[in-house]
Amino acid sequence: MHDFLDDGDGWRTELLTWRRLPDETLVTLFRVVAPREWYLERLRTVDSIDRFETAPGDDAFYLKAYERLGGPLETFFDAFVDTEFLSVPPVVYRSGGRLSFGLIGPPNQLRDVLSAVPDPIDVTVERVGSYGGRRLAGANLTERQREALCAARRVGYYDVPRSGSVADVAEAIECSPSTAGAHLRKGEAALVDTYLDG
């Protein structure tokens, strides 16, 4: 299904909640931002999906799926079994096989969790800190856009009144002002889209 998301611009699935049943079935509720019929046609080819139900949404649709656990997916979930971590929804599946989500839990358990994640899955920790409320896990930012936004905040570009400029951002991330401006505009647009669609 990750491969399917590569077919469209901005297509994604947002895992809103889930439950692991005693019979090792994973029940999930997704919000899907992709063409419904094409998505369901592809979903029907996934062997581990036993059944699913859908409901309409405004610019997306909702999917409740029943999936048999096994392989890397089960190993991934098992990495969190004996920890105090809680996932902060949504868990966002995006193109390129990427998955974004937030966790709340004791920092001293993080290293053990990361070492238990199965080898086919690469993990990048983007931020460690105190929980500050809703995070936009689904924002589809490139690394350079994220770097530009972080630099902009550091140099005061988002202060009121503004104390930093696009040139300051460009200097911080070592690129031209026009490139820095483009990274900022695209990153800001992705954040706004994710917030308003959420």
N, C-alpha and C. Protein backbone atom coordinates (compact mmCIF):
# COMPACT_ATOMS: atom_id res chain seq x y z
N MET A 1 0.83 -1.19 0.00
CA MET A 1 0.00 0.00 0.00
C MET A 1 0.87 1.25 0.00
N HIS A 2 2.10 1.16 0.57
CA HIS A 2 3.04 2.27 0.46
C HIS A 2 3.34 2.56 -1.00
N ASP A 3 3.54 1.51 -1.80
CA ASP A 3 3.81 1.69 -3.23
C ASP A 3 2.66 2.41 -3.91
N PHE A 4 1.43 2.10 -3.52
CA PHE A 4 0.26 2.75 -4.10
C PHE A 4 0.33 4.26 -3.87
N LEU A 5 0.77 4.68 -2.69
CA LEU A 5 0.81 6.11 -2.37
C LEU A 5 1.83 6.86 -3.23
N ASP A 6 2.79 6.13 -3.82
CA ASP A 6 3.75 6.77 -4.71
C ASP A 6 3.10 7.25 -6.00
N ASP A 7 1.89 6.74 -6.31
CA ASP A 7 1.25 7.04 -7.59
C ASP A 7 0.62 8.43 -7.64
N GLY A 8 0.40 9.07 -6.49
CA GLY A 8 -0.31 10.35 -6.51
C GLY A 8 0.37 11.40 -5.67
N ASP A 9 0.19 12.65 -6.04
CA ASP A 9 0.78 13.78 -5.33
C ASP A 9 -0.03 14.07 -4.06
N GLY A 10 0.61 13.94 -2.91
CA GLY A 10 -0.07 14.25 -1.66
C GLY A 10 -0.94 13.14 -1.11
N TRP A 11 -0.97 11.96 -1.76
CA TRP A 11 -1.75 10.85 -1.23
C TRP A 11 -1.11 10.36 0.06
N ARG A 12 -1.93 10.02 1.05
CA ARG A 12 -1.41 9.51 2.31
C ARG A 12 -2.53 8.79 3.05
N THR A 13 -2.16 7.98 4.01
CA THR A 13 -3.13 7.38 4.92
C THR A 13 -2.73 7.76 6.34
N GLU A 14 -3.72 8.04 7.16
CA GLU A 14 -3.48 8.46 8.53
C GLU A 14 -4.13 7.43 9.46
N LEU A 15 -3.30 6.72 10.21
CA LEU A 15 -3.79 5.73 11.16
C LEU A 15 -4.25 6.48 12.41
N LEU A 16 -5.55 6.46 12.65
CA LEU A 16 -6.13 7.24 13.74
C LEU A 16 -6.17 6.47 15.06
N THR A 17 -6.49 5.19 14.99
CA THR A 17 -6.49 4.35 16.19
C THR A 17 -6.41 2.89 15.77
N TRP A 18 -6.03 2.04 16.71
CA TRP A 18 -5.88 0.62 16.40
C TRP A 18 -6.01 -0.19 17.68
N ARG A 19 -6.25 -1.47 17.48
CA ARG A 19 -6.32 -2.40 18.61
C ARG A 19 -5.81 -3.75 18.14
N ARG A 20 -5.00 -4.37 18.97
CA ARG A 20 -4.50 -5.72 18.70
C ARG A 20 -5.40 -6.68 19.44
N LEU A 21 -6.12 -7.53 18.71
CA LEU A 21 -7.07 -8.47 19.30
C LEU A 21 -6.35 -9.72 19.80
N PRO A 22 -6.98 -10.47 20.73
CA PRO A 22 -6.35 -11.68 21.28
C PRO A 22 -5.96 -12.71 20.22
N ASP A 23 -6.68 -12.73 19.09
CA ASP A 23 -6.36 -13.70 18.04
C ASP A 23 -5.25 -13.21 17.10
N GLU A 24 -4.52 -12.15 17.52
CA GLU A 24 -3.41 -11.58 16.75
C GLU A 24 -3.88 -10.85 15.49
N THR A 25 -5.14 -10.45 15.46
CA THR A 25 -5.63 -9.59 14.38
C THR A 25 -5.41 -8.14 14.80
N LEU A 26 -4.96 -7.33 13.86
CA LEU A 26 -4.81 -5.91 14.10
C LEU A 26 -5.99 -5.20 13.46
N VAL A 27 -6.80 -4.49 14.27
CA VAL A 27 -7.93 -3.71 13.75
C VAL A 27 -7.50 -2.25 13.72
N THR A 28 -7.62 -1.62 12.57
CA THR A 28 -7.13 -0.26 12.39
C THR A 28 -8.21 0.64 11.81
N LEU A 29 -8.17 1.92 12.17
CA LEU A 29 -9.03 2.92 11.56
C LEU A 29 -8.14 3.95 10.90
N PHE A 30 -8.29 4.09 9.58
CA PHE A 30 -7.51 5.02 8.79
C PHE A 30 -8.38 6.12 8.21
N ARG A 31 -7.79 7.28 8.03
CA ARG A 31 -8.34 8.33 7.16
C ARG A 31 -7.45 8.29 5.92
N VAL A 32 -8.06 8.08 4.75
CA VAL A 32 -7.30 7.88 3.52
C VAL A 32 -7.50 9.08 2.60
N VAL A 33 -6.38 9.69 2.20
CA VAL A 33 -6.41 10.79 1.24
C VAL A 33 -5.85 10.24 -0.06
N ALA A 34 -6.71 9.65 -0.85
CA ALA A 34 -6.37 9.02 -2.12
C ALA A 34 -7.68 8.62 -2.79
N PRO A 35 -7.68 8.40 -4.11
CA PRO A 35 -8.91 7.97 -4.78
C PRO A 35 -9.44 6.66 -4.20
N ARG A 36 -10.67 6.68 -3.72
CA ARG A 36 -11.24 5.56 -2.96
C ARG A 36 -11.21 4.24 -3.73
N GLU A 37 -11.77 4.22 -4.93
CA GLU A 37 -11.89 2.94 -5.66
C GLU A 37 -10.53 2.37 -6.02
N TRP A 38 -9.60 3.21 -6.44
CA TRP A 38 -8.26 2.72 -6.77
C TRP A 38 -7.59 2.15 -5.52
N TYR A 39 -7.76 2.85 -4.40
CA TYR A 39 -7.15 2.40 -3.15
C TYR A 39 -7.71 1.04 -2.73
N LEU A 40 -9.03 0.92 -2.77
CA LEU A 40 -9.67 -0.33 -2.33
C LEU A 40 -9.33 -1.49 -3.27
N GLU A 41 -9.22 -1.18 -4.55
CA GLU A 41 -8.84 -2.22 -5.52
C GLU A 41 -7.46 -2.78 -5.16
N ARG A 42 -6.52 -1.90 -4.83
CA ARG A 42 -5.18 -2.35 -4.44
C ARG A 42 -5.23 -3.09 -3.10
N LEU A 43 -6.03 -2.57 -2.15
CA LEU A 43 -6.13 -3.18 -0.82
C LEU A 43 -6.61 -4.63 -0.90
N ARG A 44 -7.51 -4.91 -1.85
CA ARG A 44 -8.04 -6.26 -2.00
C ARG A 44 -6.96 -7.27 -2.39
N THR A 45 -5.82 -6.81 -2.88
CA THR A 45 -4.74 -7.71 -3.29
C THR A 45 -3.78 -8.02 -2.14
N VAL A 46 -3.97 -7.38 -0.98
CA VAL A 46 -3.06 -7.59 0.15
C VAL A 46 -3.52 -8.83 0.92
N ASP A 47 -2.69 -9.86 0.92
CA ASP A 47 -3.05 -11.16 1.50
C ASP A 47 -3.39 -11.08 2.98
N SER A 48 -2.70 -10.21 3.73
CA SER A 48 -2.89 -10.20 5.19
C SER A 48 -4.17 -9.49 5.62
N ILE A 49 -4.86 -8.80 4.71
CA ILE A 49 -6.11 -8.11 5.04
C ILE A 49 -7.26 -9.11 4.94
N ASP A 50 -7.91 -9.38 6.07
CA ASP A 50 -9.04 -10.31 6.09
C ASP A 50 -10.32 -9.66 5.58
N ARG A 51 -10.59 -8.44 6.04
CA ARG A 51 -11.79 -7.72 5.61
C ARG A 51 -11.63 -6.25 5.95
N PHE A 52 -12.51 -5.42 5.37
CA PHE A 52 -12.48 -3.99 5.68
C PHE A 52 -13.84 -3.38 5.44
N GLU A 53 -14.05 -2.21 6.05
CA GLU A 53 -15.27 -1.43 5.89
C GLU A 53 -14.85 0.02 5.62
N THR A 54 -15.70 0.76 4.89
CA THR A 54 -15.37 2.16 4.61
C THR A 54 -16.54 3.07 4.96
N ALA A 55 -16.21 4.35 5.16
CA ALA A 55 -17.22 5.38 5.39
C ALA A 55 -16.72 6.64 4.70
N PRO A 56 -17.64 7.44 4.13
CA PRO A 56 -17.22 8.65 3.42
C PRO A 56 -16.75 9.73 4.38
N GLY A 57 -15.87 10.59 3.88
CA GLY A 57 -15.43 11.77 4.60
C GLY A 57 -15.57 12.97 3.69
N ASP A 58 -15.09 14.13 4.11
CA ASP A 58 -15.23 15.32 3.28
C ASP A 58 -14.33 15.27 2.05
N ASP A 59 -13.01 15.31 2.23
CA ASP A 59 -12.08 15.23 1.11
C ASP A 59 -11.27 13.94 1.15
N ALA A 60 -11.75 12.97 1.93
CA ALA A 60 -11.06 11.70 2.11
C ALA A 60 -12.12 10.66 2.45
N PHE A 61 -11.69 9.45 2.82
CA PHE A 61 -12.64 8.47 3.32
C PHE A 61 -12.00 7.73 4.48
N TYR A 62 -12.82 7.05 5.25
CA TYR A 62 -12.35 6.32 6.43
C TYR A 62 -12.40 4.83 6.15
N LEU A 63 -11.41 4.13 6.66
CA LEU A 63 -11.24 2.70 6.41
C LEU A 63 -10.99 1.99 7.72
N LYS A 64 -11.82 0.99 8.02
CA LYS A 64 -11.59 0.10 9.16
C LYS A 64 -11.15 -1.23 8.57
N ALA A 65 -9.94 -1.66 8.93
CA ALA A 65 -9.37 -2.88 8.34
C ALA A 65 -9.00 -3.88 9.42
N TYR A 66 -9.12 -5.15 9.05
CA TYR A 66 -8.75 -6.27 9.93
C TYR A 66 -7.58 -6.98 9.25
N GLU A 67 -6.43 -6.96 9.90
CA GLU A 67 -5.21 -7.49 9.29
C GLU A 67 -4.56 -8.52 10.21
N ARG A 68 -4.12 -9.64 9.61
CA ARG A 68 -3.39 -10.65 10.37
C ARG A 68 -1.95 -10.19 10.57
N LEU A 69 -1.50 -10.23 11.81
CA LEU A 69 -0.14 -9.81 12.11
C LEU A 69 0.86 -10.89 11.72
N GLY A 70 2.08 -10.48 11.49
CA GLY A 70 3.15 -11.40 11.14
C GLY A 70 4.30 -10.64 10.52
N GLY A 71 5.48 -11.21 10.49
CA GLY A 71 6.63 -10.61 9.84
C GLY A 71 7.08 -9.31 10.48
N PRO A 72 7.64 -8.40 9.67
CA PRO A 72 8.17 -7.14 10.20
C PRO A 72 7.14 -6.30 10.95
N LEU A 73 5.87 -6.33 10.50
CA LEU A 73 4.84 -5.53 11.17
C LEU A 73 4.67 -5.97 12.62
N GLU A 74 4.58 -7.28 12.84
CA GLU A 74 4.43 -7.79 14.21
C GLU A 74 5.67 -7.49 15.05
N THR A 75 6.86 -7.66 14.44
CA THR A 75 8.10 -7.37 15.16
C THR A 75 8.16 -5.90 15.54
N PHE A 76 7.68 -5.03 14.64
CA PHE A 76 7.65 -3.59 14.92
C PHE A 76 6.77 -3.30 16.13
N PHE A 77 5.56 -3.86 16.15
CA PHE A 77 4.67 -3.65 17.30
C PHE A 77 5.26 -4.24 18.58
N ASP A 78 5.91 -5.40 18.45
CA ASP A 78 6.49 -6.05 19.62
C ASP A 78 7.58 -5.21 20.28
N ALA A 79 8.23 -4.32 19.49
CA ALA A 79 9.28 -3.48 20.04
C ALA A 79 8.75 -2.57 21.15
N PHE A 80 7.44 -2.31 21.14
CA PHE A 80 6.85 -1.38 22.10
C PHE A 80 6.09 -2.08 23.23
N VAL A 81 6.03 -3.42 23.20
CA VAL A 81 5.15 -4.16 24.13
C VAL A 81 5.49 -3.91 25.59
N ASP A 82 6.74 -4.04 25.97
CA ASP A 82 7.12 -3.94 27.38
C ASP A 82 7.63 -2.54 27.72
N THR A 83 7.08 -1.52 27.09
CA THR A 83 7.48 -0.14 27.38
C THR A 83 6.28 0.65 27.85
N GLU A 84 6.54 1.87 28.27
CA GLU A 84 5.48 2.77 28.70
C GLU A 84 5.10 3.75 27.60
N PHE A 85 5.60 3.54 26.38
CA PHE A 85 5.34 4.48 25.30
C PHE A 85 3.88 4.44 24.84
N LEU A 86 3.37 5.61 24.53
CA LEU A 86 2.06 5.77 23.90
C LEU A 86 2.28 6.47 22.57
N SER A 87 1.58 6.02 21.54
CA SER A 87 1.67 6.68 20.25
C SER A 87 0.71 7.87 20.24
N VAL A 88 1.14 8.96 19.59
CA VAL A 88 0.31 10.15 19.46
C VAL A 88 -0.23 10.17 18.03
N PRO A 89 -1.54 9.89 17.85
CA PRO A 89 -2.09 9.86 16.50
C PRO A 89 -2.10 11.26 15.88
N PRO A 90 -2.09 11.35 14.56
CA PRO A 90 -2.14 10.20 13.64
C PRO A 90 -0.75 9.63 13.37
N VAL A 91 -0.74 8.36 13.01
CA VAL A 91 0.44 7.73 12.43
C VAL A 91 0.25 7.86 10.93
N VAL A 92 1.15 8.56 10.25
CA VAL A 92 0.92 8.91 8.85
C VAL A 92 1.82 8.11 7.93
N TYR A 93 1.19 7.39 6.99
CA TYR A 93 1.88 6.64 5.96
C TYR A 93 1.94 7.53 4.72
N ARG A 94 3.16 7.69 4.17
CA ARG A 94 3.33 8.57 3.02
C ARG A 94 4.07 7.83 1.91
N SER A 95 4.25 8.53 0.80
CA SER A 95 4.97 7.94 -0.33
C SER A 95 6.41 7.62 0.08
N GLY A 96 7.05 6.81 -0.73
CA GLY A 96 8.43 6.46 -0.48
C GLY A 96 8.62 5.52 0.70
N GLY A 97 7.52 4.86 1.13
CA GLY A 97 7.62 3.92 2.24
C GLY A 97 7.86 4.57 3.59
N ARG A 98 7.51 5.86 3.71
CA ARG A 98 7.77 6.59 4.96
C ARG A 98 6.56 6.52 5.89
N LEU A 99 6.86 6.56 7.18
CA LEU A 99 5.86 6.51 8.24
C LEU A 99 6.28 7.52 9.30
N SER A 100 5.37 8.41 9.69
CA SER A 100 5.68 9.43 10.71
C SER A 100 4.74 9.27 11.89
N PHE A 101 5.29 9.32 13.10
CA PHE A 101 4.42 9.28 14.27
C PHE A 101 5.17 9.83 15.47
N GLY A 102 4.41 10.22 16.47
CA GLY A 102 4.98 10.71 17.71
C GLY A 102 4.78 9.72 18.83
N LEU A 103 5.67 9.75 19.80
CA LEU A 103 5.60 8.87 20.97
C LEU A 103 5.74 9.70 22.24
N ILE A 104 5.04 9.28 23.27
CA ILE A 104 5.23 9.84 24.60
C ILE A 104 5.68 8.70 25.50
N GLY A 105 6.76 8.91 26.21
CA GLY A 105 7.25 7.88 27.10
C GLY A 105 8.58 8.24 27.71
N PRO A 106 9.11 7.37 28.55
CA PRO A 106 10.37 7.65 29.24
C PRO A 106 11.55 7.64 28.28
N PRO A 107 12.35 8.70 28.26
CA PRO A 107 13.51 8.75 27.35
C PRO A 107 14.47 7.59 27.54
N ASN A 108 14.58 7.07 28.77
CA ASN A 108 15.54 5.99 29.01
C ASN A 108 15.13 4.68 28.33
N GLN A 109 13.88 4.59 27.85
CA GLN A 109 13.45 3.38 27.15
C GLN A 109 13.59 3.49 25.63
N LEU A 110 13.89 4.70 25.15
CA LEU A 110 13.90 4.93 23.70
C LEU A 110 14.98 4.11 23.00
N ARG A 111 16.18 4.04 23.56
CA ARG A 111 17.27 3.30 22.92
C ARG A 111 16.90 1.82 22.75
N ASP A 112 16.30 1.23 23.79
CA ASP A 112 15.90 -0.18 23.71
C ASP A 112 14.84 -0.40 22.64
N VAL A 113 13.88 0.53 22.54
CA VAL A 113 12.84 0.41 21.51
C VAL A 113 13.46 0.48 20.12
N LEU A 114 14.34 1.44 19.90
CA LEU A 114 14.94 1.61 18.57
C LEU A 114 15.78 0.40 18.19
N SER A 115 16.46 -0.21 19.15
CA SER A 115 17.27 -1.39 18.83
C SER A 115 16.41 -2.61 18.55
N ALA A 116 15.15 -2.61 19.02
CA ALA A 116 14.25 -3.75 18.79
C ALA A 116 13.46 -3.64 17.50
N VAL A 117 13.51 -2.49 16.83
CA VAL A 117 12.80 -2.33 15.55
C VAL A 117 13.49 -3.21 14.51
N PRO A 118 12.73 -3.99 13.73
CA PRO A 118 13.35 -4.95 12.79
C PRO A 118 14.18 -4.27 11.70
N ASP A 119 15.17 -4.99 11.21
CA ASP A 119 16.13 -4.46 10.24
C ASP A 119 15.53 -3.86 8.97
N PRO A 120 14.46 -4.39 8.39
CA PRO A 120 13.99 -3.76 7.15
C PRO A 120 13.51 -2.32 7.35
N ILE A 121 13.34 -1.90 8.61
CA ILE A 121 12.80 -0.57 8.90
C ILE A 121 13.91 0.33 9.40
N ASP A 122 14.13 1.46 8.72
CA ASP A 122 15.08 2.48 9.15
C ASP A 122 14.35 3.51 9.99
N VAL A 123 14.95 3.93 11.10
CA VAL A 123 14.31 4.88 12.01
C VAL A 123 15.12 6.16 12.07
N THR A 124 14.43 7.29 11.98
CA THR A 124 15.04 8.61 12.17
C THR A 124 14.28 9.32 13.27
N VAL A 125 14.97 9.74 14.32
CA VAL A 125 14.35 10.50 15.39
C VAL A 125 14.50 11.97 15.03
N GLU A 126 13.36 12.65 14.83
CA GLU A 126 13.39 14.04 14.40
C GLU A 126 13.42 15.02 15.57
N ARG A 127 12.88 14.62 16.71
CA ARG A 127 12.81 15.55 17.83
C ARG A 127 12.62 14.76 19.11
N VAL A 128 13.34 15.16 20.16
CA VAL A 128 13.13 14.61 21.49
C VAL A 128 12.93 15.79 22.43
N GLY A 129 11.88 15.75 23.22
CA GLY A 129 11.61 16.85 24.13
C GLY A 129 10.32 16.62 24.88
N SER A 130 9.86 17.64 25.56
CA SER A 130 8.60 17.56 26.29
C SER A 130 7.44 17.60 25.32
N TYR A 131 6.37 16.91 25.70
CA TYR A 131 5.18 16.90 24.85
C TYR A 131 4.52 18.27 24.90
N GLY A 132 4.28 18.83 23.73
CA GLY A 132 3.70 20.17 23.66
C GLY A 132 2.36 20.21 22.99
N GLY A 133 1.61 19.13 23.02
CA GLY A 133 0.30 19.11 22.38
C GLY A 133 0.38 18.52 20.99
N ARG A 134 -0.63 18.79 20.19
CA ARG A 134 -0.77 18.18 18.87
C ARG A 134 0.43 18.50 17.99
N ARG A 135 1.00 17.45 17.40
CA ARG A 135 2.10 17.60 16.44
C ARG A 135 1.56 17.26 15.06
N LEU A 136 2.11 17.92 14.05
CA LEU A 136 1.67 17.68 12.69
C LEU A 136 2.53 16.58 12.07
N ALA A 137 2.30 15.35 12.53
CA ALA A 137 3.12 14.23 12.06
C ALA A 137 2.97 14.00 10.57
N GLY A 138 1.84 14.37 10.01
CA GLY A 138 1.60 14.09 8.61
C GLY A 138 2.13 15.11 7.65
N ALA A 139 2.77 16.17 8.14
CA ALA A 139 3.28 17.21 7.25
C ALA A 139 4.33 16.61 6.33
N ASN A 140 4.12 16.76 5.05
CA ASN A 140 4.99 16.14 4.05
C ASN A 140 6.14 17.09 3.72
N LEU A 141 7.10 17.21 4.63
CA LEU A 141 8.24 18.11 4.47
C LEU A 141 9.46 17.34 3.99
N THR A 142 10.22 17.97 3.09
CA THR A 142 11.53 17.41 2.75
C THR A 142 12.49 17.76 3.88
N GLU A 143 13.64 17.11 3.89
CA GLU A 143 14.64 17.42 4.92
C GLU A 143 15.10 18.87 4.83
N ARG A 144 15.27 19.38 3.59
CA ARG A 144 15.71 20.77 3.43
C ARG A 144 14.62 21.75 3.87
N GLN A 145 13.36 21.44 3.62
CA GLN A 145 12.28 22.31 4.10
C GLN A 145 12.26 22.34 5.62
N ARG A 146 12.39 21.18 6.24
CA ARG A 146 12.42 21.10 7.70
C ARG A 146 13.61 21.89 8.26
N GLU A 147 14.77 21.74 7.61
CA GLU A 147 15.97 22.45 8.03
C GLU A 147 15.77 23.96 7.91
N ALA A 148 15.15 24.39 6.81
CA ALA A 148 14.90 25.83 6.61
C ALA A 148 13.93 26.38 7.65
N LEU A 149 12.86 25.63 7.94
CA LEU A 149 11.89 26.09 8.95
C LEU A 149 12.53 26.17 10.33
N CYS A 150 13.34 25.19 10.68
CA CYS A 150 14.02 25.22 11.98
C CYS A 150 14.99 26.40 12.07
N ALA A 151 15.73 26.63 10.97
CA ALA A 151 16.67 27.76 10.95
C ALA A 151 15.90 29.08 11.05
N ALA A 152 14.75 29.16 10.36
CA ALA A 152 13.95 30.38 10.39
C ALA A 152 13.49 30.69 11.80
N ARG A 153 13.09 29.67 12.52
CA ARG A 153 12.67 29.89 13.90
C ARG A 153 13.85 30.35 14.76
N ARG A 154 15.02 29.72 14.54
CA ARG A 154 16.22 30.08 15.32
C ARG A 154 16.66 31.52 15.09
N VAL A 155 16.61 31.97 13.82
CA VAL A 155 17.12 33.32 13.52
C VAL A 155 16.09 34.42 13.75
N GLY A 156 14.87 34.04 14.15
CA GLY A 156 13.87 35.05 14.46
C GLY A 156 12.96 35.44 13.31
N TYR A 157 12.98 34.63 12.25
CA TYR A 157 12.14 34.92 11.09
C TYR A 157 10.66 34.89 11.45
N TYR A 158 10.27 34.06 12.41
CA TYR A 158 8.86 33.95 12.80
C TYR A 158 8.52 34.76 14.06
N ASP A 159 9.50 35.51 14.58
CA ASP A 159 9.22 36.37 15.72
C ASP A 159 8.27 37.49 15.31
N VAL A 160 7.53 38.02 16.29
CA VAL A 160 6.66 39.17 16.05
C VAL A 160 7.09 40.26 17.03
N PRO A 161 7.68 41.36 16.54
CA PRO A 161 8.01 41.62 15.14
C PRO A 161 9.19 40.75 14.67
N ARG A 162 9.26 40.57 13.37
CA ARG A 162 10.29 39.72 12.77
C ARG A 162 11.67 40.29 13.03
N SER A 163 12.58 39.44 13.49
CA SER A 163 13.95 39.90 13.76
C SER A 163 14.98 39.20 12.87
N GLY A 164 14.54 38.26 12.04
CA GLY A 164 15.43 37.57 11.12
C GLY A 164 14.87 37.65 9.71
N SER A 165 15.74 37.47 8.73
CA SER A 165 15.33 37.60 7.33
C SER A 165 15.55 36.29 6.58
N VAL A 166 15.06 36.26 5.35
CA VAL A 166 15.31 35.10 4.48
C VAL A 166 16.81 34.96 4.25
N ALA A 167 17.50 36.10 4.15
CA ALA A 167 18.96 36.04 3.98
C ALA A 167 19.62 35.36 5.18
N ASP A 168 19.11 35.61 6.39
CA ASP A 168 19.64 34.95 7.58
C ASP A 168 19.42 33.44 7.52
N VAL A 169 18.23 33.05 7.05
CA VAL A 169 17.92 31.63 6.90
C VAL A 169 18.88 31.01 5.88
N ALA A 170 19.06 31.71 4.75
CA ALA A 170 19.94 31.21 3.69
C ALA A 170 21.36 31.00 4.21
N GLU A 171 21.83 31.96 5.00
CA GLU A 171 23.18 31.83 5.57
C GLU A 171 23.25 30.64 6.52
N ALA A 172 22.20 30.43 7.31
CA ALA A 172 22.20 29.34 8.29
C ALA A 172 22.20 27.97 7.63
N ILE A 173 21.54 27.84 6.47
CA ILE A 173 21.47 26.53 5.81
C ILE A 173 22.35 26.46 4.56
N GLU A 174 23.17 27.52 4.39
CA GLU A 174 24.18 27.56 3.32
C GLU A 174 23.60 27.36 1.93
N CYS A 175 22.72 28.29 1.56
CA CYS A 175 22.17 28.29 0.21
C CYS A 175 21.86 29.74 -0.16
N SER A 176 21.35 29.96 -1.36
CA SER A 176 21.01 31.32 -1.79
C SER A 176 19.70 31.76 -1.13
N PRO A 177 19.49 33.08 -1.00
CA PRO A 177 18.23 33.56 -0.43
C PRO A 177 17.00 33.09 -1.22
N SER A 178 17.11 33.01 -2.55
CA SER A 178 15.95 32.57 -3.33
C SER A 178 15.62 31.10 -3.04
N THR A 179 16.65 30.27 -2.88
CA THR A 179 16.43 28.86 -2.54
C THR A 179 15.84 28.73 -1.13
N ALA A 180 16.38 29.50 -0.19
CA ALA A 180 15.85 29.47 1.18
C ALA A 180 14.39 29.90 1.19
N GLY A 181 14.06 30.95 0.43
CA GLY A 181 12.67 31.41 0.35
C GLY A 181 11.75 30.34 -0.20
N ALA A 182 12.23 29.61 -1.21
CA ALA A 182 11.41 28.55 -1.80
C ALA A 182 11.19 27.42 -0.79
N HIS A 183 12.24 27.04 -0.06
CA HIS A 183 12.09 26.01 0.97
C HIS A 183 11.08 26.44 2.03
N LEU A 184 11.15 27.70 2.45
CA LEU A 184 10.22 28.19 3.47
C LEU A 184 8.78 28.18 2.97
N ARG A 185 8.56 28.69 1.76
CA ARG A 185 7.19 28.74 1.22
C ARG A 185 6.60 27.34 1.07
N LYS A 186 7.37 26.41 0.53
CA LYS A 186 6.86 25.05 0.34
C LYS A 186 6.62 24.35 1.67
N GLY A 187 7.55 24.55 2.62
CA GLY A 187 7.37 23.95 3.94
C GLY A 187 6.16 24.51 4.66
N GLU A 188 5.98 25.84 4.59
CA GLU A 188 4.83 26.47 5.23
C GLU A 188 3.53 25.99 4.59
N ALA A 189 3.52 25.84 3.27
CA ALA A 189 2.31 25.35 2.58
C ALA A 189 1.97 23.94 3.03
N ALA A 190 2.99 23.08 3.19
CA ALA A 190 2.74 21.70 3.64
C ALA A 190 2.18 21.69 5.05
N LEU A 191 2.71 22.54 5.93
CA LEU A 191 2.20 22.60 7.30
C LEU A 191 0.76 23.10 7.35
N VAL A 192 0.46 24.13 6.56
CA VAL A 192 -0.90 24.66 6.53
C VAL A 192 -1.88 23.62 6.00
N ASP A 193 -1.51 22.95 4.90
CA ASP A 193 -2.39 21.91 4.33
C ASP A 193 -2.66 20.81 5.34
N THR A 194 -1.61 20.35 6.04
CA THR A 194 -1.77 19.27 7.00
C THR A 194 -2.64 19.71 8.16
N TYR A 195 -2.43 20.93 8.64
CA TYR A 195 -3.24 21.41 9.77
C TYR A 195 -4.71 21.56 9.39
N LEU A 196 -4.98 22.16 8.24
CA LEU A 196 -6.36 22.40 7.84
C LEU A 196 -7.07 21.11 7.43
N ASP A 197 -6.31 20.14 6.87
CA ASP A 197 -6.91 18.86 6.49
C ASP A 197 -7.11 17.96 7.70
N GLY A 198 -6.38 18.23 8.81
CA GLY A 198 -6.43 17.36 9.98
C GLY A 198 -7.68 17.58 10.77
